[in-house]
Amino acid sequence: MTEFHFVKSSYSSTSGECIEVALNIPGTIAVQDSKSTGGAVLHLTPAAWAAFTAGFGRAARR
């Protein structure tokens, strides 16, 4: 299996509360907690990731 190459979110806070995302595997978006890089990895489809991230824009407008 190919290894995920995680990148820390550009919206990360200075207190370290953030996620890391890997986009290097076709058909899979991998997400992990940056404070627990050896922990669980959430695997999402591109459609699920798009729906998840679309909610950020709506939440910011409230």
C-alpha atoms as a PDB file:
ATOM      1  CA  MET A   1       0.000   0.000   0.000  1.00  0.00           C
ATOM      2  CA  THR A   2       1.216   3.483  -0.817  1.00  0.00           C
ATOM      3  CA  GLU A   3       2.023   5.716   2.134  1.00  0.00           C
ATOM      4  CA  PHE A   4      -0.070   8.803   2.831  1.00  0.00           C
ATOM      5  CA  HIS A   5       1.789  12.119   2.648  1.00  0.00           C
ATOM      6  CA  PHE A   6       0.073  14.338   5.206  1.00  0.00           C
ATOM      7  CA  VAL A   7       0.118  18.131   5.079  1.00  0.00           C
ATOM      8  CA  LYS A   8      -0.920  20.307   8.010  1.00  0.00           C
ATOM      9  CA  SER A   9      -3.891  22.590   7.417  1.00  0.00           C
ATOM     10  CA  SER A  10      -3.028  26.190   6.562  1.00  0.00           C
ATOM     11  CA  TYR A  11      -5.723  27.194   9.071  1.00  0.00           C
ATOM     12  CA  SER A  12      -3.891  25.539  11.967  1.00  0.00           C
ATOM     13  CA  SER A  13      -3.860  27.439  15.229  1.00  0.00           C
ATOM     14  CA  THR A  14      -0.644  28.213  17.061  1.00  0.00           C
ATOM     15  CA  SER A  15      -1.823  25.982  19.935  1.00  0.00           C
ATOM     16  CA  GLY A  16      -1.533  22.980  17.619  1.00  0.00           C
ATOM     17  CA  GLU A  17      -5.231  22.234  17.261  1.00  0.00           C
ATOM     18  CA  CYS A  18      -5.424  21.163  13.664  1.00  0.00           C
ATOM     19  CA  ILE A  19      -5.752  18.346  11.219  1.00  0.00           C
ATOM     20  CA  GLU A  20      -3.468  16.951   8.583  1.00  0.00           C
ATOM     21  CA  VAL A  21      -4.769  15.908   5.169  1.00  0.00           C
ATOM     22  CA  ALA A  22      -3.273  13.564   2.582  1.00  0.00           C
ATOM     23  CA  LEU A  23      -4.387  13.901  -1.043  1.00  0.00           C
ATOM     24  CA  ASN A  24      -1.743  11.734  -2.708  1.00  0.00           C
ATOM     25  CA  ILE A  25      -3.810   8.513  -3.042  1.00  0.00           C
ATOM     26  CA  PRO A  26      -6.331   8.631  -5.918  1.00  0.00           C
ATOM     27  CA  GLY A  27      -9.929   8.259  -4.725  1.00  0.00           C
ATOM     28  CA  THR A  28      -9.086   8.714  -1.037  1.00  0.00           C
ATOM     29  CA  ILE A  29      -8.773  11.738   1.217  1.00  0.00           C
ATOM     30  CA  ALA A  30      -7.019  10.810   4.465  1.00  0.00           C
ATOM     31  CA  VAL A  31      -7.403  12.952   7.590  1.00  0.00           C
ATOM     32  CA  GLN A  32      -5.624  12.695  10.927  1.00  0.00           C
ATOM     33  CA  ASP A  33      -5.203  14.716  14.111  1.00  0.00           C
ATOM     34  CA  SER A  34      -1.847  16.513  14.022  1.00  0.00           C
ATOM     35  CA  LYS A  35      -1.353  15.838  17.754  1.00  0.00           C
ATOM     36  CA  SER A  36      -1.892  12.088  17.290  1.00  0.00           C
ATOM     37  CA  THR A  37      -0.102  11.216  14.064  1.00  0.00           C
ATOM     38  CA  GLY A  38       0.203   7.573  15.067  1.00  0.00           C
ATOM     39  CA  GLY A  39      -3.511   7.332  15.790  1.00  0.00           C
ATOM     40  CA  ALA A  40      -6.566   6.722  13.677  1.00  0.00           C
ATOM     41  CA  VAL A  41      -6.767   7.919  10.087  1.00  0.00           C
ATOM     42  CA  LEU A  42     -10.142   8.826   8.623  1.00  0.00           C
ATOM     43  CA  HIS A  43     -10.515   7.791   4.968  1.00  0.00           C
ATOM     44  CA  LEU A  44     -13.037   9.790   2.925  1.00  0.00           C
ATOM     45  CA  THR A  45     -14.169   9.708  -0.673  1.00  0.00           C
ATOM     46  CA  PRO A  46     -13.631  12.903  -2.648  1.00  0.00           C
ATOM     47  CA  ALA A  47     -17.419  13.492  -2.597  1.00  0.00           C
ATOM     48  CA  ALA A  48     -17.580  13.109   1.194  1.00  0.00           C
ATOM     49  CA  TRP A  49     -14.591  15.455   1.610  1.00  0.00           C
ATOM     50  CA  ALA A  50     -16.258  18.046  -0.645  1.00  0.00           C
ATOM     51  CA  ALA A  51     -19.469  17.874   1.401  1.00  0.00           C
ATOM     52  CA  PHE A  52     -17.504  18.139   4.653  1.00  0.00           C
ATOM     53  CA  THR A  53     -15.444  21.149   3.569  1.00  0.00           C
ATOM     54  CA  ALA A  54     -18.462  22.878   1.995  1.00  0.00           C
ATOM     55  CA  GLY A  55     -19.905  23.145   5.494  1.00  0.00           C
ATOM     56  CA  PHE A  56     -17.041  25.386   6.593  1.00  0.00           C
ATOM     57  CA  GLY A  57     -18.167  28.206   4.339  1.00  0.00           C
ATOM     58  CA  ARG A  58     -21.735  28.007   5.604  1.00  0.00           C
ATOM     59  CA  ALA A  59     -20.614  27.972   9.246  1.00  0.00           C
ATOM     60  CA  ALA A  60     -18.446  31.071   8.717  1.00  0.00           C
ATOM     61  CA  ARG A  61     -21.409  33.017   7.308  1.00  0.00           C
ATOM     62  CA  ARG A  62     -23.627  32.365  10.379  1.00  0.00           C
END
